[in-house]
């Protein structure tokens, strides 16, 4: 019985150390000497700037019906039927009845103003609403993978992951990666960070941009980890029941 008791204590100790804890999966933790979370510097938010291969859509607003029909104005709400225009390798966009416009490196607001000024040269009362068509980010790995629309400016990493249903408990929150494309044929930028620390707020890792790919790796020891304490209790109960059955069987065989 003493050996059985020691065996059970060892089993309990192993399983207790294998449970997911707040320290492992909790967000917005305060960095301390005990948890050794990284401390990230705050940086100013930088708006997204249009890159090569991005696509734009626009809506021309004018009281002149002749120009409106001739130019075939776009409608943001027309979904898959909206005409989108790709940013070419030289950074310009070719639009009907206009000379190529250099949009690479501009924010959406700057590109909108540029397009409005171009249309005003031929339509005095022209107004333009412009948006990025490919305003999506992707998630892969130990989260609910998919492609998701960026519905607001300054979307942060927590809002982005909430759209996926959050990172799975088995996901490695210490090494989240964002793969971010860059212009001019450069290799994509890879940002790696620990999402558990509260200093991630307003850091360079905080905001999600169009075309970002968020990769969540699986924890190396996740196969041996119990998802919750209720699961831990269930596992202990079933393990004790199995051990008792085996011991009773062995005792019966050696009578």
C-alpha atoms as a PDB file:
ATOM      1  CA  UNK A   1       0.000   0.000   0.000  1.00  0.00           C
ATOM      2  CA  UNK A   2       2.888   2.332   0.745  1.00  0.00           C
ATOM      3  CA  UNK A   3       4.258   1.831  -2.766  1.00  0.00           C
ATOM      4  CA  UNK A   4       0.826   2.443  -4.238  1.00  0.00           C
ATOM      5  CA  UNK A   5       0.507   5.674  -2.250  1.00  0.00           C
ATOM      6  CA  UNK A   6       3.918   6.895  -3.440  1.00  0.00           C
ATOM      7  CA  UNK A   7       3.006   6.005  -7.021  1.00  0.00           C
ATOM      8  CA  UNK A   8      -0.242   7.969  -6.814  1.00  0.00           C
ATOM      9  CA  UNK A   9       1.536  10.982  -5.332  1.00  0.00           C
ATOM     10  CA  UNK A  10       4.041  10.911  -8.167  1.00  0.00           C
ATOM     11  CA  UNK A  11       1.240  10.701 -10.729  1.00  0.00           C
ATOM     12  CA  UNK A  12      -0.572  13.650  -9.149  1.00  0.00           C
ATOM     13  CA  UNK A  13       2.630  15.734  -9.107  1.00  0.00           C
ATOM     14  CA  UNK A  14       3.321  15.036 -12.771  1.00  0.00           C
ATOM     15  CA  UNK A  15      -0.220  15.883 -13.844  1.00  0.00           C
ATOM     16  CA  UNK A  16      -0.373  19.030 -11.719  1.00  0.00           C
ATOM     17  CA  UNK A  17       2.758  20.330 -13.404  1.00  0.00           C
ATOM     18  CA  UNK A  18       1.173  19.604 -16.796  1.00  0.00           C
ATOM     19  CA  UNK A  19      -1.921  21.790 -16.390  1.00  0.00           C
ATOM     20  CA  UNK A  20      -2.293  25.029 -18.328  1.00  0.00           C
ATOM     21  CA  UNK A  21      -1.953  27.911 -15.888  1.00  0.00           C
ATOM     22  CA  UNK A  22      -2.591  31.645 -16.138  1.00  0.00           C
ATOM     23  CA  UNK A  23       1.160  32.172 -16.209  1.00  0.00           C
ATOM     24  CA  UNK A  24       1.380  30.077 -19.385  1.00  0.00           C
ATOM     25  CA  UNK A  25      -1.683  31.294 -21.302  1.00  0.00           C
ATOM     26  CA  UNK A  26      -2.823  34.508 -19.565  1.00  0.00           C
ATOM     27  CA  UNK A  27      -2.720  37.884 -21.304  1.00  0.00           C
ATOM     28  CA  UNK A  28      -1.650  41.326 -20.032  1.00  0.00           C
ATOM     29  CA  UNK A  29       0.558  39.993 -17.261  1.00  0.00           C
ATOM     30  CA  UNK A  30       2.838  42.380 -15.387  1.00  0.00           C
ATOM     31  CA  UNK A  31       6.527  41.636 -16.049  1.00  0.00           C
ATOM     32  CA  UNK A  32       8.232  40.613 -12.796  1.00  0.00           C
ATOM     33  CA  UNK A  33      11.441  38.893 -11.749  1.00  0.00           C
ATOM     34  CA  UNK A  34       9.426  35.723 -11.246  1.00  0.00           C
ATOM     35  CA  UNK A  35       7.814  35.396 -14.660  1.00  0.00           C
ATOM     36  CA  UNK A  36      10.621  37.016 -16.708  1.00  0.00           C
ATOM     37  CA  UNK A  37       8.261  38.468 -19.314  1.00  0.00           C
ATOM     38  CA  UNK A  38       9.826  40.812 -21.879  1.00  0.00           C
ATOM     39  CA  UNK A  39       9.332  44.565 -21.671  1.00  0.00           C
ATOM     40  CA  UNK A  40       8.585  46.240 -25.015  1.00  0.00           C
ATOM     41  CA  UNK A  41       8.998  49.934 -25.785  1.00  0.00           C
ATOM     42  CA  UNK A  42       5.998  52.029 -26.855  1.00  0.00           C
ATOM     43  CA  UNK A  43       6.100  53.425 -30.391  1.00  0.00           C
ATOM     44  CA  UNK A  44       3.872  55.822 -32.313  1.00  0.00           C
ATOM     45  CA  UNK A  45       1.247  54.275 -34.579  1.00  0.00           C
ATOM     46  CA  UNK A  46       2.135  54.371 -38.274  1.00  0.00           C
ATOM     47  CA  UNK A  47      -0.769  54.179 -40.751  1.00  0.00           C
ATOM     48  CA  UNK A  48      -0.590  51.542 -43.465  1.00  0.00           C
ATOM     49  CA  UNK A  49       1.056  52.672 -46.689  1.00  0.00           C
ATOM     50  CA  UNK A  50       0.037  51.252 -50.028  1.00  0.00           C
ATOM     51  CA  UNK A  51       2.405  48.675 -51.504  1.00  0.00           C
ATOM     52  CA  UNK A  52       2.990  47.098 -54.883  1.00  0.00           C
ATOM     53  CA  UNK A  53       0.283  44.476 -55.684  1.00  0.00           C
ATOM     54  CA  UNK A  54      -2.228  46.096 -53.321  1.00  0.00           C
ATOM     55  CA  UNK A  55      -5.637  46.749 -54.849  1.00  0.00           C
ATOM     56  CA  UNK A  56      -7.800  49.807 -54.443  1.00  0.00           C
ATOM     57  CA  UNK A  57     -11.469  50.540 -55.042  1.00  0.00           C
ATOM     58  CA  UNK A  58     -13.060  53.956 -55.244  1.00  0.00           C
ATOM     59  CA  UNK A  59     -16.408  55.705 -55.622  1.00  0.00           C
ATOM     60  CA  UNK A  60     -16.726  58.865 -57.674  1.00  0.00           C
ATOM     61  CA  UNK A  61     -19.352  61.315 -56.460  1.00  0.00           C
ATOM     62  CA  UNK A  62     -20.573  63.979 -58.889  1.00  0.00           C
ATOM     63  CA  UNK A  63     -23.819  65.708 -59.833  1.00  0.00           C
ATOM     64  CA  UNK A  64     -22.983  65.312 -63.512  1.00  0.00           C
ATOM     65  CA  UNK A  65     -24.742  62.094 -64.578  1.00  0.00           C
ATOM     66  CA  UNK A  66     -22.977  62.049 -67.949  1.00  0.00           C
ATOM     67  CA  UNK A  67     -19.526  61.841 -66.364  1.00  0.00           C
ATOM     68  CA  UNK A  68     -20.775  59.431 -63.724  1.00  0.00           C
ATOM     69  CA  UNK A  69     -22.062  56.932 -66.288  1.00  0.00           C
ATOM     70  CA  UNK A  70     -19.104  57.417 -68.635  1.00  0.00           C
ATOM     71  CA  UNK A  71     -16.511  56.780 -65.954  1.00  0.00           C
ATOM     72  CA  UNK A  72     -18.349  53.810 -64.477  1.00  0.00           C
ATOM     73  CA  UNK A  73     -18.162  54.778 -60.814  1.00  0.00           C
ATOM     74  CA  UNK A  74     -17.482  52.038 -58.288  1.00  0.00           C
ATOM     75  CA  UNK A  75     -19.593  51.133 -55.293  1.00  0.00           C
ATOM     76  CA  UNK A  76     -17.967  49.920 -52.059  1.00  0.00           C
ATOM     77  CA  UNK A  77     -21.030  47.873 -51.182  1.00  0.00           C
ATOM     78  CA  UNK A  78     -21.110  45.872 -54.420  1.00  0.00           C
ATOM     79  CA  UNK A  79     -18.841  43.183 -52.920  1.00  0.00           C
ATOM     80  CA  UNK A  80     -17.392  40.849 -55.497  1.00  0.00           C
ATOM     81  CA  UNK A  81     -18.724  42.999 -58.325  1.00  0.00           C
ATOM     82  CA  UNK A  82     -16.597  46.039 -57.381  1.00  0.00           C
ATOM     83  CA  UNK A  83     -13.797  46.847 -59.825  1.00  0.00           C
ATOM     84  CA  UNK A  84     -10.439  46.840 -58.114  1.00  0.00           C
ATOM     85  CA  UNK A  85      -7.240  48.348 -59.486  1.00  0.00           C
ATOM     86  CA  UNK A  86      -3.834  46.851 -58.760  1.00  0.00           C
ATOM     87  CA  UNK A  87      -0.734  48.834 -57.842  1.00  0.00           C
ATOM     88  CA  UNK A  88       1.779  47.996 -60.554  1.00  0.00           C
ATOM     89  CA  UNK A  89       5.478  47.211 -60.110  1.00  0.00           C
ATOM     90  CA  UNK A  90       6.386  50.867 -60.700  1.00  0.00           C
ATOM     91  CA  UNK A  91       4.025  51.936 -57.890  1.00  0.00           C
ATOM     92  CA  UNK A  92       1.368  53.431 -60.165  1.00  0.00           C
ATOM     93  CA  UNK A  93      -2.316  52.623 -60.637  1.00  0.00           C
ATOM     94  CA  UNK A  94      -3.999  52.786 -64.044  1.00  0.00           C
ATOM     95  CA  UNK A  95      -7.539  54.160 -63.807  1.00  0.00           C
ATOM     96  CA  UNK A  96     -10.025  54.849 -66.633  1.00  0.00           C
ATOM     97  CA  UNK A  97      -9.636  58.296 -68.273  1.00  0.00           C
ATOM     98  CA  UNK A  98      -6.763  59.286 -65.969  1.00  0.00           C
ATOM     99  CA  UNK A  99      -3.014  59.203 -66.363  1.00  0.00           C
ATOM    100  CA  UNK A 100      -1.215  56.620 -64.138  1.00  0.00           C
ATOM    101  CA  UNK A 101      -1.151  57.811 -60.542  1.00  0.00           C
ATOM    102  CA  UNK A 102       1.737  57.013 -58.182  1.00  0.00           C
ATOM    103  CA  UNK A 103       0.116  55.533 -55.062  1.00  0.00           C
ATOM    104  CA  UNK A 104       2.876  53.365 -53.656  1.00  0.00           C
ATOM    105  CA  UNK A 105       3.920  54.678 -50.247  1.00  0.00           C
ATOM    106  CA  UNK A 106       0.742  56.706 -49.694  1.00  0.00           C
ATOM    107  CA  UNK A 107      -1.802  56.196 -46.931  1.00  0.00           C
ATOM    108  CA  UNK A 108      -5.434  55.624 -47.911  1.00  0.00           C
ATOM    109  CA  UNK A 109      -6.253  59.246 -47.093  1.00  0.00           C
ATOM    110  CA  UNK A 110      -3.338  60.548 -49.169  1.00  0.00           C
ATOM    111  CA  UNK A 111      -4.275  58.284 -52.096  1.00  0.00           C
ATOM    112  CA  UNK A 112      -7.888  59.446 -51.846  1.00  0.00           C
ATOM    113  CA  UNK A 113      -6.827  63.104 -51.986  1.00  0.00           C
ATOM    114  CA  UNK A 114      -4.554  62.401 -54.955  1.00  0.00           C
ATOM    115  CA  UNK A 115      -7.359  60.683 -56.864  1.00  0.00           C
ATOM    116  CA  UNK A 116      -9.842  63.458 -55.991  1.00  0.00           C
ATOM    117  CA  UNK A 117      -7.481  66.125 -57.335  1.00  0.00           C
ATOM    118  CA  UNK A 118      -6.966  64.132 -60.545  1.00  0.00           C
ATOM    119  CA  UNK A 119     -10.712  63.852 -61.156  1.00  0.00           C
ATOM    120  CA  UNK A 120     -11.284  67.533 -60.389  1.00  0.00           C
ATOM    121  CA  UNK A 121      -9.189  68.386 -63.438  1.00  0.00           C
ATOM    122  CA  UNK A 122     -11.970  66.983 -65.641  1.00  0.00           C
ATOM    123  CA  UNK A 123     -14.994  67.144 -63.278  1.00  0.00           C
ATOM    124  CA  UNK A 124     -15.071  70.335 -61.195  1.00  0.00           C
ATOM    125  CA  UNK A 125     -17.477  69.036 -58.539  1.00  0.00           C
ATOM    126  CA  UNK A 126     -15.828  65.599 -58.208  1.00  0.00           C
ATOM    127  CA  UNK A 127     -15.439  63.955 -54.832  1.00  0.00           C
ATOM    128  CA  UNK A 128     -13.869  60.555 -54.230  1.00  0.00           C
ATOM    129  CA  UNK A 129     -14.056  57.872 -51.575  1.00  0.00           C
ATOM    130  CA  UNK A 130     -11.182  55.394 -51.771  1.00  0.00           C
ATOM    131  CA  UNK A 131     -10.411  52.234 -49.838  1.00  0.00           C
ATOM    132  CA  UNK A 132      -7.953  49.360 -49.899  1.00  0.00           C
ATOM    133  CA  UNK A 133      -9.623  46.304 -51.421  1.00  0.00           C
ATOM    134  CA  UNK A 134      -7.250  43.661 -50.020  1.00  0.00           C
ATOM    135  CA  UNK A 135      -7.684  44.753 -46.389  1.00  0.00           C
ATOM    136  CA  UNK A 136      -7.211  41.285 -44.896  1.00  0.00           C
ATOM    137  CA  UNK A 137      -4.918  39.477 -42.499  1.00  0.00           C
ATOM    138  CA  UNK A 138      -4.379  35.725 -42.210  1.00  0.00           C
ATOM    139  CA  UNK A 139      -3.937  33.398 -39.234  1.00  0.00           C
ATOM    140  CA  UNK A 140      -2.260  29.988 -39.345  1.00  0.00           C
ATOM    141  CA  UNK A 141      -1.012  27.499 -36.754  1.00  0.00           C
ATOM    142  CA  UNK A 142      -2.525  26.738 -33.347  1.00  0.00           C
ATOM    143  CA  UNK A 143      -5.432  29.150 -33.674  1.00  0.00           C
ATOM    144  CA  UNK A 144      -8.569  28.978 -35.773  1.00  0.00           C
ATOM    145  CA  UNK A 145      -6.904  29.558 -39.121  1.00  0.00           C
ATOM    146  CA  UNK A 146      -8.417  31.710 -41.815  1.00  0.00           C
ATOM    147  CA  UNK A 147      -8.402  35.037 -43.581  1.00  0.00           C
ATOM    148  CA  UNK A 148     -10.146  37.940 -41.854  1.00  0.00           C
ATOM    149  CA  UNK A 149     -11.182  41.463 -42.820  1.00  0.00           C
ATOM    150  CA  UNK A 150      -9.634  44.469 -41.065  1.00  0.00           C
ATOM    151  CA  UNK A 151     -12.806  46.362 -40.256  1.00  0.00           C
ATOM    152  CA  UNK A 152     -11.209  49.361 -38.537  1.00  0.00           C
ATOM    153  CA  UNK A 153      -8.058  51.407 -38.425  1.00  0.00           C
ATOM    154  CA  UNK A 154      -5.656  50.565 -35.623  1.00  0.00           C
ATOM    155  CA  UNK A 155      -6.843  46.983 -35.238  1.00  0.00           C
ATOM    156  CA  UNK A 156      -4.679  45.419 -32.523  1.00  0.00           C
ATOM    157  CA  UNK A 157      -3.414  41.876 -32.094  1.00  0.00           C
ATOM    158  CA  UNK A 158      -6.016  41.007 -29.439  1.00  0.00           C
ATOM    159  CA  UNK A 159      -8.913  42.130 -31.631  1.00  0.00           C
ATOM    160  CA  UNK A 160      -7.440  40.199 -34.546  1.00  0.00           C
ATOM    161  CA  UNK A 161      -7.098  36.969 -32.556  1.00  0.00           C
ATOM    162  CA  UNK A 162     -10.580  37.441 -31.059  1.00  0.00           C
ATOM    163  CA  UNK A 163     -11.966  37.248 -34.608  1.00  0.00           C
ATOM    164  CA  UNK A 164     -10.427  33.779 -34.914  1.00  0.00           C
ATOM    165  CA  UNK A 165     -11.784  32.557 -31.572  1.00  0.00           C
ATOM    166  CA  UNK A 166      -8.464  33.168 -29.746  1.00  0.00           C
ATOM    167  CA  UNK A 167      -5.279  31.114 -29.587  1.00  0.00           C
ATOM    168  CA  UNK A 168      -5.743  27.501 -28.532  1.00  0.00           C
ATOM    169  CA  UNK A 169      -4.407  26.537 -25.115  1.00  0.00           C
ATOM    170  CA  UNK A 170      -1.758  24.477 -26.876  1.00  0.00           C
ATOM    171  CA  UNK A 171      -0.544  27.549 -28.794  1.00  0.00           C
ATOM    172  CA  UNK A 172       2.837  29.001 -27.845  1.00  0.00           C
ATOM    173  CA  UNK A 173       2.027  32.531 -26.676  1.00  0.00           C
ATOM    174  CA  UNK A 174       5.693  33.215 -25.972  1.00  0.00           C
ATOM    175  CA  UNK A 175       6.640  33.117 -29.659  1.00  0.00           C
ATOM    176  CA  UNK A 176       3.828  34.587 -31.738  1.00  0.00           C
ATOM    177  CA  UNK A 177       5.068  35.631 -35.178  1.00  0.00           C
ATOM    178  CA  UNK A 178       3.769  38.177 -37.663  1.00  0.00           C
ATOM    179  CA  UNK A 179       5.032  37.813 -41.233  1.00  0.00           C
ATOM    180  CA  UNK A 180       4.738  41.246 -42.860  1.00  0.00           C
ATOM    181  CA  UNK A 181       5.443  41.836 -46.592  1.00  0.00           C
ATOM    182  CA  UNK A 182       7.772  44.610 -47.687  1.00  0.00           C
ATOM    183  CA  UNK A 183       8.138  46.507 -50.955  1.00  0.00           C
ATOM    184  CA  UNK A 184      10.853  46.508 -53.617  1.00  0.00           C
ATOM    185  CA  UNK A 185      11.395  42.760 -53.611  1.00  0.00           C
ATOM    186  CA  UNK A 186      12.689  42.681 -50.034  1.00  0.00           C
ATOM    187  CA  UNK A 187      12.273  39.620 -47.847  1.00  0.00           C
ATOM    188  CA  UNK A 188       9.172  39.766 -45.610  1.00  0.00           C
ATOM    189  CA  UNK A 189       9.706  41.132 -42.124  1.00  0.00           C
ATOM    190  CA  UNK A 190       9.191  38.576 -39.335  1.00  0.00           C
ATOM    191  CA  UNK A 191       8.163  40.014 -35.959  1.00  0.00           C
ATOM    192  CA  UNK A 192       8.347  37.602 -33.017  1.00  0.00           C
ATOM    193  CA  UNK A 193       6.955  38.512 -29.608  1.00  0.00           C
ATOM    194  CA  UNK A 194       5.482  37.270 -26.327  1.00  0.00           C
ATOM    195  CA  UNK A 195       1.805  38.183 -26.293  1.00  0.00           C
ATOM    196  CA  UNK A 196       1.402  37.549 -22.556  1.00  0.00           C
ATOM    197  CA  UNK A 197       3.134  40.722 -21.395  1.00  0.00           C
ATOM    198  CA  UNK A 198       1.110  43.891 -20.848  1.00  0.00           C
ATOM    199  CA  UNK A 199       3.895  45.968 -22.399  1.00  0.00           C
ATOM    200  CA  UNK A 200       2.829  44.724 -25.826  1.00  0.00           C
ATOM    201  CA  UNK A 201       0.230  47.526 -25.806  1.00  0.00           C
ATOM    202  CA  UNK A 202       1.358  50.319 -28.154  1.00  0.00           C
ATOM    203  CA  UNK A 203       4.544  48.425 -29.005  1.00  0.00           C
ATOM    204  CA  UNK A 204       5.598  47.709 -32.590  1.00  0.00           C
ATOM    205  CA  UNK A 205       3.907  44.306 -32.272  1.00  0.00           C
ATOM    206  CA  UNK A 206       0.526  45.670 -31.207  1.00  0.00           C
ATOM    207  CA  UNK A 207      -1.176  46.637 -34.473  1.00  0.00           C
ATOM    208  CA  UNK A 208      -2.185  44.397 -37.357  1.00  0.00           C
ATOM    209  CA  UNK A 209      -1.872  45.610 -40.950  1.00  0.00           C
ATOM    210  CA  UNK A 210      -3.253  44.419 -44.317  1.00  0.00           C
ATOM    211  CA  UNK A 211      -1.492  41.340 -45.710  1.00  0.00           C
ATOM    212  CA  UNK A 212      -0.087  40.343 -42.295  1.00  0.00           C
ATOM    213  CA  UNK A 213       0.184  36.609 -41.598  1.00  0.00           C
ATOM    214  CA  UNK A 214      -0.071  35.728 -37.898  1.00  0.00           C
ATOM    215  CA  UNK A 215       1.573  32.397 -37.082  1.00  0.00           C
ATOM    216  CA  UNK A 216       0.937  30.635 -33.776  1.00  0.00           C
ATOM    217  CA  UNK A 217       3.285  27.702 -33.138  1.00  0.00           C
ATOM    218  CA  UNK A 218       2.318  24.730 -30.964  1.00  0.00           C
ATOM    219  CA  UNK A 219       3.933  24.378 -27.549  1.00  0.00           C
ATOM    220  CA  UNK A 220       6.463  21.569 -27.552  1.00  0.00           C
ATOM    221  CA  UNK A 221       5.038  19.951 -24.406  1.00  0.00           C
ATOM    222  CA  UNK A 222       1.376  20.454 -25.328  1.00  0.00           C
ATOM    223  CA  UNK A 223       0.861  16.729 -26.034  1.00  0.00           C
ATOM    224  CA  UNK A 224       1.415  15.957 -22.340  1.00  0.00           C
ATOM    225  CA  UNK A 225      -0.520  18.911 -20.958  1.00  0.00           C
ATOM    226  CA  UNK A 226      -3.995  18.653 -19.458  1.00  0.00           C
ATOM    227  CA  UNK A 227      -6.351  21.276 -20.966  1.00  0.00           C
ATOM    228  CA  UNK A 228      -8.041  22.229 -17.659  1.00  0.00           C
ATOM    229  CA  UNK A 229      -8.258  21.331 -13.984  1.00  0.00           C
ATOM    230  CA  UNK A 230     -11.603  19.630 -14.550  1.00  0.00           C
ATOM    231  CA  UNK A 231      -9.848  17.462 -17.127  1.00  0.00           C
ATOM    232  CA  UNK A 232      -7.051  16.920 -14.626  1.00  0.00           C
ATOM    233  CA  UNK A 233      -9.533  15.667 -11.991  1.00  0.00           C
ATOM    234  CA  UNK A 234     -11.135  13.376 -14.539  1.00  0.00           C
ATOM    235  CA  UNK A 235      -7.761  12.002 -15.543  1.00  0.00           C
ATOM    236  CA  UNK A 236      -6.786  11.395 -11.899  1.00  0.00           C
ATOM    237  CA  UNK A 237     -10.070   9.589 -11.235  1.00  0.00           C
ATOM    238  CA  UNK A 238      -9.780   7.367 -14.290  1.00  0.00           C
ATOM    239  CA  UNK A 239      -6.093   6.667 -13.545  1.00  0.00           C
ATOM    240  CA  UNK A 240      -6.846   5.644  -9.946  1.00  0.00           C
ATOM    241  CA  UNK A 241      -9.713   3.452 -11.121  1.00  0.00           C
ATOM    242  CA  UNK A 242      -7.488   1.769 -13.696  1.00  0.00           C
ATOM    243  CA  UNK A 243      -4.680   1.257 -11.181  1.00  0.00           C
ATOM    244  CA  UNK A 244      -7.093  -0.214  -8.631  1.00  0.00           C
ATOM    245  CA  UNK A 245      -8.478  -2.613 -11.218  1.00  0.00           C
ATOM    246  CA  UNK A 246      -4.991  -3.766 -12.220  1.00  0.00           C
ATOM    247  CA  UNK A 247      -3.908  -4.293  -8.607  1.00  0.00           C
ATOM    248  CA  UNK A 248      -7.069  -6.229  -7.784  1.00  0.00           C
ATOM    249  CA  UNK A 249      -6.526  -8.395 -10.844  1.00  0.00           C
ATOM    250  CA  UNK A 250      -2.880  -9.057  -9.895  1.00  0.00           C
ATOM    251  CA  UNK A 251      -3.880  -9.881  -6.304  1.00  0.00           C
ATOM    252  CA  UNK A 252      -6.571 -12.299  -7.573  1.00  0.00           C
ATOM    253  CA  UNK A 253      -4.105 -14.049  -9.927  1.00  0.00           C
ATOM    254  CA  UNK A 254      -1.597 -14.683  -7.108  1.00  0.00           C
ATOM    255  CA  UNK A 255      -4.044 -16.013  -4.503  1.00  0.00           C
END
